[in-house]
Amino acid sequence: MQLSKYNASGNDFIICHTFVKRDRSKLAVKLCDRHSGIGADGLVVLVPHDKYDFEWEFYNSDGTAAEMCGNASRATAHYAYRNGLAGEKMAFLTVAGVIEARVEDNFVLSDLTPPQYMRDKIVEGGKEWVLLDTGVPHLVSFRDGIETFDLEEARRLRRKYNANVNICTVKGGQLHVRTYERGVEDETQACGTGMAACFVEGLKQKLLAEKITAVPKSKERLLLQKCGETIRFGGEVCHCFNTNYEDFR
């Protein structure tokens, strides 16, 4: 089985395609291990679908399945186009719903599933948070600055609310975000659905325009745009390398 390693704004993924759906949680743990495996934040397996270009199976690095991942959606679209599984414009099925994407060379746009608020106001650690779903659940808290990110608090909130944890701030009209991701169980370089969640709350608070630049920990510049009921998310992706793996199941 040929596997492809991708990087999308600091999130890295192992991507492949096959004809058979099955539980690959143990394989994800093995492949994503950064010492004894290839190393990645997640594993994406593409399988055929009767209605859409394909369906995906997405696993975090700890083997848990996730409904959606924004950066993985962009990397996956690029992979599908390069491997002849879809055209430049495509639609594919995730657990969260159908994702539409467009590939423009190495720049990929994904239209995420419509966001939904789960809780409007939560107070934790003397700070206000909101909980919303942009494909997966996210806690969001706006701050004056995000130079410091209390990861112990983030771990506690992740367990309490079973959600990713984001702190964010606005500088010069740009949205700056840091995210602790469940499934990785640490801060990651970027999280697409996390940035989208912060964007939605920023729009609600009238802190942001409807088309902005978002900056995650990786410092890459990404596009976020309100398009009707959905959020459009765009940025560069990098195909790092291909490798062969003999024990793929």
C-alpha atoms as a PDB file:
ATOM      1  CA  MET A   1       0.000   0.000   0.000  1.00  0.00           C
ATOM      2  CA  GLN A   2       1.374   3.414  -0.952  1.00  0.00           C
ATOM      3  CA  LEU A   3       0.968   6.052   1.734  1.00  0.00           C
ATOM      4  CA  SER A   4       1.329   9.812   1.247  1.00  0.00           C
ATOM      5  CA  LYS A   5       2.536  12.213   3.921  1.00  0.00           C
ATOM      6  CA  TYR A   6       0.932  15.672   3.826  1.00  0.00           C
ATOM      7  CA  ASN A   7       1.307  18.904   5.747  1.00  0.00           C
ATOM      8  CA  ALA A   8      -1.443  21.530   5.904  1.00  0.00           C
ATOM      9  CA  SER A   9      -0.570  24.665   7.902  1.00  0.00           C
ATOM     10  CA  GLY A  10       1.402  22.658  10.433  1.00  0.00           C
ATOM     11  CA  ASN A  11      -1.022  19.742  10.793  1.00  0.00           C
ATOM     12  CA  ASP A  12       0.440  16.598   9.247  1.00  0.00           C
ATOM     13  CA  PHE A  13      -1.423  13.572   7.951  1.00  0.00           C
ATOM     14  CA  ILE A  14      -0.888  10.163   6.389  1.00  0.00           C
ATOM     15  CA  ILE A  15      -3.308   9.639   3.490  1.00  0.00           C
ATOM     16  CA  CYS A  16      -4.117   6.608   1.328  1.00  0.00           C
ATOM     17  CA  HIS A  17      -7.023   5.045  -0.535  1.00  0.00           C
ATOM     18  CA  THR A  18      -8.439   1.541  -0.672  1.00  0.00           C
ATOM     19  CA  PHE A  19     -11.665  -0.270  -1.592  1.00  0.00           C
ATOM     20  CA  VAL A  20     -12.556  -1.715   1.810  1.00  0.00           C
ATOM     21  CA  LYS A  21     -14.012   0.027   4.869  1.00  0.00           C
ATOM     22  CA  ARG A  22     -12.850  -1.341   8.213  1.00  0.00           C
ATOM     23  CA  ASP A  23     -11.635  -0.273  11.640  1.00  0.00           C
ATOM     24  CA  ARG A  24      -8.079   1.012  11.272  1.00  0.00           C
ATOM     25  CA  SER A  25      -7.699   2.585  14.705  1.00  0.00           C
ATOM     26  CA  LYS A  26      -4.752   0.369  15.681  1.00  0.00           C
ATOM     27  CA  LEU A  27      -3.070   1.044  12.356  1.00  0.00           C
ATOM     28  CA  ALA A  28      -3.486   4.789  12.923  1.00  0.00           C
ATOM     29  CA  VAL A  29      -1.698   4.578  16.269  1.00  0.00           C
ATOM     30  CA  LYS A  30       1.112   2.587  14.688  1.00  0.00           C
ATOM     31  CA  LEU A  31       1.604   4.831  11.665  1.00  0.00           C
ATOM     32  CA  CYS A  32       1.191   8.145  13.478  1.00  0.00           C
ATOM     33  CA  ASP A  33       3.769   7.385  16.165  1.00  0.00           C
ATOM     34  CA  ARG A  34       6.585   9.901  15.704  1.00  0.00           C
ATOM     35  CA  HIS A  35       9.266   7.518  17.012  1.00  0.00           C
ATOM     36  CA  SER A  36       8.405   4.073  15.630  1.00  0.00           C
ATOM     37  CA  GLY A  37       6.080   5.059  12.756  1.00  0.00           C
ATOM     38  CA  ILE A  38       5.887   7.698  10.045  1.00  0.00           C
ATOM     39  CA  GLY A  39       4.600  10.322  12.449  1.00  0.00           C
ATOM     40  CA  ALA A  40       1.445  12.395  11.964  1.00  0.00           C
ATOM     41  CA  ASP A  41      -1.489  14.071  13.678  1.00  0.00           C
ATOM     42  CA  GLY A  42      -3.891  11.737  11.917  1.00  0.00           C
ATOM     43  CA  LEU A  43      -4.577   9.022   9.347  1.00  0.00           C
ATOM     44  CA  VAL A  44      -7.038   9.505   6.464  1.00  0.00           C
ATOM     45  CA  VAL A  45      -8.267   6.548   4.412  1.00  0.00           C
ATOM     46  CA  LEU A  46     -10.354   7.225   1.302  1.00  0.00           C
ATOM     47  CA  VAL A  47     -12.935   4.637   0.210  1.00  0.00           C
ATOM     48  CA  PRO A  48     -15.411   4.655  -2.707  1.00  0.00           C
ATOM     49  CA  HIS A  49     -18.893   6.136  -2.372  1.00  0.00           C
ATOM     50  CA  ASP A  50     -21.882   5.730  -4.701  1.00  0.00           C
ATOM     51  CA  LYS A  51     -23.040   9.353  -4.546  1.00  0.00           C
ATOM     52  CA  TYR A  52     -19.950  11.449  -3.800  1.00  0.00           C
ATOM     53  CA  ASP A  53     -16.413  11.398  -5.131  1.00  0.00           C
ATOM     54  CA  PHE A  54     -15.353   9.352  -2.114  1.00  0.00           C
ATOM     55  CA  GLU A  55     -15.873   8.857   1.608  1.00  0.00           C
ATOM     56  CA  TRP A  56     -13.174   9.192   4.228  1.00  0.00           C
ATOM     57  CA  GLU A  57     -12.217   7.423   7.417  1.00  0.00           C
ATOM     58  CA  PHE A  58     -10.390   9.823   9.738  1.00  0.00           C
ATOM     59  CA  TYR A  59      -8.379   8.753  12.785  1.00  0.00           C
ATOM     60  CA  ASN A  60      -6.526  10.901  15.290  1.00  0.00           C
ATOM     61  CA  SER A  61      -3.017   9.862  16.247  1.00  0.00           C
ATOM     62  CA  ASP A  62      -4.360   8.072  19.356  1.00  0.00           C
ATOM     63  CA  GLY A  63      -6.599   5.888  17.172  1.00  0.00           C
ATOM     64  CA  THR A  64      -9.880   7.632  17.975  1.00  0.00           C
ATOM     65  CA  ALA A  65     -12.167   8.443  15.071  1.00  0.00           C
ATOM     66  CA  ALA A  66     -13.082  12.089  14.479  1.00  0.00           C
ATOM     67  CA  GLU A  67     -16.081  13.474  12.657  1.00  0.00           C
ATOM     68  CA  MET A  68     -14.149  16.157  10.796  1.00  0.00           C
ATOM     69  CA  CYS A  69     -10.786  17.929  10.448  1.00  0.00           C
ATOM     70  CA  GLY A  70     -10.472  21.154   8.471  1.00  0.00           C
ATOM     71  CA  ASN A  71      -6.798  20.932   7.531  1.00  0.00           C
ATOM     72  CA  ALA A  72      -7.156  17.239   6.700  1.00  0.00           C
ATOM     73  CA  SER A  73     -10.047  18.092   4.370  1.00  0.00           C
ATOM     74  CA  ARG A  74      -7.735  20.336   2.353  1.00  0.00           C
ATOM     75  CA  ALA A  75      -4.865  17.833   2.303  1.00  0.00           C
ATOM     76  CA  THR A  76      -7.268  15.045   1.355  1.00  0.00           C
ATOM     77  CA  ALA A  77      -8.739  17.049  -1.522  1.00  0.00           C
ATOM     78  CA  HIS A  78      -5.245  17.664  -2.896  1.00  0.00           C
ATOM     79  CA  TYR A  79      -4.413  13.961  -2.584  1.00  0.00           C
ATOM     80  CA  ALA A  80      -7.654  12.909  -4.288  1.00  0.00           C
ATOM     81  CA  TYR A  81      -7.069  15.260  -7.211  1.00  0.00           C
ATOM     82  CA  ARG A  82      -3.431  14.233  -7.668  1.00  0.00           C
ATOM     83  CA  ASN A  83      -4.361  10.548  -7.593  1.00  0.00           C
ATOM     84  CA  GLY A  84      -7.250  10.815 -10.056  1.00  0.00           C
ATOM     85  CA  LEU A  85      -9.969  10.108  -7.505  1.00  0.00           C
ATOM     86  CA  ALA A  86     -11.724  13.433  -8.111  1.00  0.00           C
ATOM     87  CA  GLY A  87     -11.593  16.516 -10.301  1.00  0.00           C
ATOM     88  CA  GLU A  88     -10.492  19.986  -9.237  1.00  0.00           C
ATOM     89  CA  LYS A  89     -13.922  20.468  -7.679  1.00  0.00           C
ATOM     90  CA  MET A  90     -15.179  17.646  -5.508  1.00  0.00           C
ATOM     91  CA  ALA A  91     -17.569  16.594  -2.777  1.00  0.00           C
ATOM     92  CA  PHE A  92     -16.778  13.901  -0.236  1.00  0.00           C
ATOM     93  CA  LEU A  93     -18.491  12.405   2.769  1.00  0.00           C
ATOM     94  CA  THR A  94     -17.270  12.744   6.362  1.00  0.00           C
ATOM     95  CA  VAL A  95     -19.036  11.766   9.573  1.00  0.00           C
ATOM     96  CA  ALA A  96     -19.856  15.460  10.069  1.00  0.00           C
ATOM     97  CA  GLY A  97     -21.436  15.735   6.621  1.00  0.00           C
ATOM     98  CA  VAL A  98     -20.524  16.476   3.020  1.00  0.00           C
ATOM     99  CA  ILE A  99     -17.455  18.634   2.367  1.00  0.00           C
ATOM    100  CA  GLU A 100     -17.070  20.493  -0.913  1.00  0.00           C
ATOM    101  CA  ALA A 101     -13.523  21.402  -1.919  1.00  0.00           C
ATOM    102  CA  ARG A 102     -11.654  23.025  -4.773  1.00  0.00           C
ATOM    103  CA  VAL A 103      -7.995  22.502  -5.692  1.00  0.00           C
ATOM    104  CA  GLU A 104      -6.039  25.364  -7.258  1.00  0.00           C
ATOM    105  CA  ASP A 105      -2.505  23.984  -7.653  1.00  0.00           C
ATOM    106  CA  ASN A 106      -1.284  23.744  -4.034  1.00  0.00           C
ATOM    107  CA  PHE A 107      -3.955  26.091  -2.678  1.00  0.00           C
ATOM    108  CA  VAL A 108      -7.055  24.247  -1.518  1.00  0.00           C
ATOM    109  CA  LEU A 109     -10.436  25.608  -0.423  1.00  0.00           C
ATOM    110  CA  SER A 110     -12.879  23.592   1.682  1.00  0.00           C
ATOM    111  CA  ASP A 111     -16.441  24.546   2.541  1.00  0.00           C
ATOM    112  CA  LEU A 112     -16.965  23.257   6.064  1.00  0.00           C
ATOM    113  CA  THR A 113     -20.234  21.978   7.504  1.00  0.00           C
ATOM    114  CA  PRO A 114     -22.544  24.720   8.913  1.00  0.00           C
ATOM    115  CA  PRO A 115     -21.516  25.744  12.446  1.00  0.00           C
ATOM    116  CA  GLN A 116     -23.834  25.185  15.397  1.00  0.00           C
ATOM    117  CA  TYR A 117     -23.684  26.682  18.876  1.00  0.00           C
ATOM    118  CA  MET A 118     -23.894  24.119  21.655  1.00  0.00           C
ATOM    119  CA  ARG A 119     -23.550  26.481  24.655  1.00  0.00           C
ATOM    120  CA  ASP A 120     -23.492  30.277  24.482  1.00  0.00           C
ATOM    121  CA  LYS A 121     -21.684  31.086  27.709  1.00  0.00           C
ATOM    122  CA  ILE A 122     -19.394  29.057  29.956  1.00  0.00           C
ATOM    123  CA  VAL A 123     -17.208  30.502  32.710  1.00  0.00           C
ATOM    124  CA  GLU A 124     -14.041  28.559  33.508  1.00  0.00           C
ATOM    125  CA  GLY A 125     -10.916  29.871  35.208  1.00  0.00           C
ATOM    126  CA  GLY A 126     -12.414  33.336  35.396  1.00  0.00           C
ATOM    127  CA  LYS A 127     -12.708  33.474  31.582  1.00  0.00           C
ATOM    128  CA  GLU A 128     -15.735  33.314  29.311  1.00  0.00           C
ATOM    129  CA  TRP A 129     -15.977  30.523  26.756  1.00  0.00           C
ATOM    130  CA  VAL A 130     -18.494  29.383  24.157  1.00  0.00           C
ATOM    131  CA  LEU A 131     -18.942  25.841  22.866  1.00  0.00           C
ATOM    132  CA  LEU A 132     -19.752  25.323  19.208  1.00  0.00           C
ATOM    133  CA  ASP A 133     -19.526  22.634  16.562  1.00  0.00           C
ATOM    134  CA  THR A 134     -17.771  23.299  13.252  1.00  0.00           C
ATOM    135  CA  GLY A 135     -17.550  19.619  12.358  1.00  0.00           C
ATOM    136  CA  VAL A 136     -16.233  18.734  15.802  1.00  0.00           C
ATOM    137  CA  PRO A 137     -16.894  20.531  19.118  1.00  0.00           C
ATOM    138  CA  HIS A 138     -14.698  23.477  20.105  1.00  0.00           C
ATOM    139  CA  LEU A 139     -14.406  25.648  23.172  1.00  0.00           C
ATOM    140  CA  VAL A 140     -13.495  29.223  22.214  1.00  0.00           C
ATOM    141  CA  SER A 141     -12.286  32.083  24.396  1.00  0.00           C
ATOM    142  CA  PHE A 142     -11.209  35.504  23.107  1.00  0.00           C
ATOM    143  CA  ARG A 143      -8.267  37.075  24.944  1.00  0.00           C
ATOM    144  CA  ASP A 144      -6.256  40.301  24.833  1.00  0.00           C
ATOM    145  CA  GLY A 145      -3.239  38.191  23.923  1.00  0.00           C
ATOM    146  CA  ILE A 146      -2.389  34.513  23.431  1.00  0.00           C
ATOM    147  CA  GLU A 147       1.336  34.470  24.157  1.00  0.00           C
ATOM    148  CA  THR A 148       0.616  32.146  27.098  1.00  0.00           C
ATOM    149  CA  PHE A 149      -1.541  29.020  26.727  1.00  0.00           C
ATOM    150  CA  ASP A 150      -2.229  27.054  29.916  1.00  0.00           C
ATOM    151  CA  LEU A 151      -2.110  23.476  28.613  1.00  0.00           C
ATOM    152  CA  GLU A 152      -3.035  21.962  31.986  1.00  0.00           C
ATOM    153  CA  GLU A 153      -6.240  23.992  31.961  1.00  0.00           C
ATOM    154  CA  ALA A 154      -6.787  23.026  28.328  1.00  0.00           C
ATOM    155  CA  ARG A 155      -6.464  19.320  29.198  1.00  0.00           C
ATOM    156  CA  ARG A 156      -8.956  19.724  32.029  1.00  0.00           C
ATOM    157  CA  LEU A 157     -11.481  21.518  29.808  1.00  0.00           C
ATOM    158  CA  ARG A 158     -10.985  19.027  26.992  1.00  0.00           C
ATOM    159  CA  ARG A 159     -11.914  16.190  29.367  1.00  0.00           C
ATOM    160  CA  LYS A 160     -14.795  18.066  30.985  1.00  0.00           C
ATOM    161  CA  TYR A 161     -16.471  19.126  27.739  1.00  0.00           C
ATOM    162  CA  ASN A 162     -15.067  16.471  25.346  1.00  0.00           C
ATOM    163  CA  ALA A 163     -14.053  19.292  23.022  1.00  0.00           C
ATOM    164  CA  ASN A 164     -11.021  20.905  21.468  1.00  0.00           C
ATOM    165  CA  VAL A 165      -9.880  24.033  23.313  1.00  0.00           C
ATOM    166  CA  ASN A 166      -9.040  27.317  21.552  1.00  0.00           C
ATOM    167  CA  ILE A 167      -7.825  30.700  22.714  1.00  0.00           C
ATOM    168  CA  CYS A 168      -7.739  33.528  20.205  1.00  0.00           C
ATOM    169  CA  THR A 169      -7.191  37.232  19.710  1.00  0.00           C
ATOM    170  CA  VAL A 170      -7.605  39.818  16.958  1.00  0.00           C
ATOM    171  CA  LYS A 171      -4.646  41.896  15.764  1.00  0.00           C
ATOM    172  CA  GLY A 172      -4.947  44.294  12.851  1.00  0.00           C
ATOM    173  CA  GLY A 173      -8.076  42.553  11.617  1.00  0.00           C
ATOM    174  CA  GLN A 174      -6.357  39.160  11.605  1.00  0.00           C
ATOM    175  CA  LEU A 175      -7.453  36.255  13.787  1.00  0.00           C
ATOM    176  CA  HIS A 176      -4.677  34.578  15.801  1.00  0.00           C
ATOM    177  CA  VAL A 177      -5.503  31.165  17.280  1.00  0.00           C
ATOM    178  CA  ARG A 178      -3.916  28.495  19.468  1.00  0.00           C
ATOM    179  CA  THR A 179      -5.584  25.085  19.811  1.00  0.00           C
ATOM    180  CA  TYR A 180      -5.358  22.064  22.086  1.00  0.00           C
ATOM    181  CA  GLU A 181      -6.718  19.100  20.093  1.00  0.00           C
ATOM    182  CA  ARG A 182      -8.423  16.043  21.485  1.00  0.00           C
ATOM    183  CA  GLY A 183      -7.118  12.857  19.932  1.00  0.00           C
ATOM    184  CA  VAL A 184      -3.654  14.394  19.703  1.00  0.00           C
ATOM    185  CA  GLU A 185      -3.965  15.455  23.367  1.00  0.00           C
ATOM    186  CA  ASP A 186      -1.644  18.401  23.020  1.00  0.00           C
ATOM    187  CA  GLU A 187      -1.381  21.785  21.358  1.00  0.00           C
ATOM    188  CA  THR A 188      -1.036  21.448  17.594  1.00  0.00           C
ATOM    189  CA  GLN A 189       0.474  23.779  15.036  1.00  0.00           C
ATOM    190  CA  ALA A 190      -2.963  24.508  13.574  1.00  0.00           C
ATOM    191  CA  CYS A 191      -6.568  23.357  13.595  1.00  0.00           C
ATOM    192  CA  GLY A 192      -8.873  24.275  10.738  1.00  0.00           C
ATOM    193  CA  THR A 193     -12.180  23.647  12.473  1.00  0.00           C
ATOM    194  CA  GLY A 194     -10.789  25.423  15.540  1.00  0.00           C
ATOM    195  CA  MET A 195      -9.941  28.533  13.548  1.00  0.00           C
ATOM    196  CA  ALA A 196     -13.387  28.333  11.964  1.00  0.00           C
ATOM    197  CA  ALA A 197     -15.024  28.152  15.401  1.00  0.00           C
ATOM    198  CA  CYS A 198     -13.089  31.226  16.559  1.00  0.00           C
ATOM    199  CA  PHE A 199     -14.070  32.995  13.337  1.00  0.00           C
ATOM    200  CA  VAL A 200     -17.765  32.275  13.892  1.00  0.00           C
ATOM    201  CA  GLU A 201     -17.629  33.634  17.447  1.00  0.00           C
ATOM    202  CA  GLY A 202     -15.595  36.630  16.270  1.00  0.00           C
ATOM    203  CA  LEU A 203     -18.294  37.419  13.717  1.00  0.00           C
ATOM    204  CA  LYS A 204     -20.946  37.146  16.406  1.00  0.00           C
ATOM    205  CA  GLN A 205     -19.031  39.575  18.628  1.00  0.00           C
ATOM    206  CA  LYS A 206     -18.505  41.902  15.616  1.00  0.00           C
ATOM    207  CA  LEU A 207     -14.739  41.671  16.003  1.00  0.00           C
ATOM    208  CA  LEU A 208     -14.068  40.415  12.474  1.00  0.00           C
ATOM    209  CA  ALA A 209     -15.015  41.007   8.855  1.00  0.00           C
ATOM    210  CA  GLU A 210     -16.695  38.270   6.809  1.00  0.00           C
ATOM    211  CA  LYS A 211     -13.439  37.519   4.961  1.00  0.00           C
ATOM    212  CA  ILE A 212     -10.213  37.464   6.957  1.00  0.00           C
ATOM    213  CA  THR A 213      -6.734  36.043   7.393  1.00  0.00           C
ATOM    214  CA  ALA A 214      -6.299  33.537  10.214  1.00  0.00           C
ATOM    215  CA  VAL A 215      -2.911  32.830  11.789  1.00  0.00           C
ATOM    216  CA  PRO A 216      -2.382  29.608  13.803  1.00  0.00           C
ATOM    217  CA  LYS A 217       0.676  28.671  15.866  1.00  0.00           C
ATOM    218  CA  SER A 218       2.481  27.599  12.657  1.00  0.00           C
ATOM    219  CA  LYS A 219       2.301  31.285  11.523  1.00  0.00           C
ATOM    220  CA  GLU A 220       0.915  30.353   8.108  1.00  0.00           C
ATOM    221  CA  ARG A 221      -1.695  32.704   6.668  1.00  0.00           C
ATOM    222  CA  LEU A 222      -5.051  31.069   5.975  1.00  0.00           C
ATOM    223  CA  LEU A 223      -8.310  32.268   4.479  1.00  0.00           C
ATOM    224  CA  LEU A 224     -11.592  32.214   6.361  1.00  0.00           C
ATOM    225  CA  GLN A 225     -14.744  33.493   4.714  1.00  0.00           C
ATOM    226  CA  LYS A 226     -18.438  33.409   5.563  1.00  0.00           C
ATOM    227  CA  CYS A 227     -20.331  31.979   2.587  1.00  0.00           C
ATOM    228  CA  GLY A 228     -24.031  31.785   3.410  1.00  0.00           C
ATOM    229  CA  GLU A 229     -24.467  29.193   6.143  1.00  0.00           C
ATOM    230  CA  THR A 230     -21.014  27.684   5.693  1.00  0.00           C
ATOM    231  CA  ILE A 231     -17.427  28.722   6.391  1.00  0.00           C
ATOM    232  CA  ARG A 232     -14.900  28.601   3.551  1.00  0.00           C
ATOM    233  CA  PHE A 233     -11.414  27.649   4.657  1.00  0.00           C
ATOM    234  CA  GLY A 234      -8.391  27.951   2.369  1.00  0.00           C
ATOM    235  CA  GLY A 235      -4.617  27.713   2.329  1.00  0.00           C
ATOM    236  CA  GLU A 236      -1.565  26.002   0.915  1.00  0.00           C
ATOM    237  CA  VAL A 237      -0.937  22.292   1.411  1.00  0.00           C
ATOM    238  CA  CYS A 238       2.336  20.416   1.015  1.00  0.00           C
ATOM    239  CA  HIS A 239       2.744  16.876  -0.296  1.00  0.00           C
ATOM    240  CA  CYS A 240       5.836  15.794   1.626  1.00  0.00           C
ATOM    241  CA  PHE A 241       6.562  12.301   0.304  1.00  0.00           C
ATOM    242  CA  ASN A 242       5.203   8.866  -0.618  1.00  0.00           C
ATOM    243  CA  THR A 243       6.236   5.586   0.950  1.00  0.00           C
ATOM    244  CA  ASN A 244       5.218   1.942   0.730  1.00  0.00           C
ATOM    245  CA  TYR A 245       3.803   0.068   3.709  1.00  0.00           C
ATOM    246  CA  GLU A 246       3.535  -3.699   3.501  1.00  0.00           C
ATOM    247  CA  ASP A 247       1.352  -4.469   6.530  1.00  0.00           C
ATOM    248  CA  PHE A 248      -1.685  -2.318   5.649  1.00  0.00           C
ATOM    249  CA  ARG A 249      -4.971  -3.753   6.882  1.00  0.00           C
END
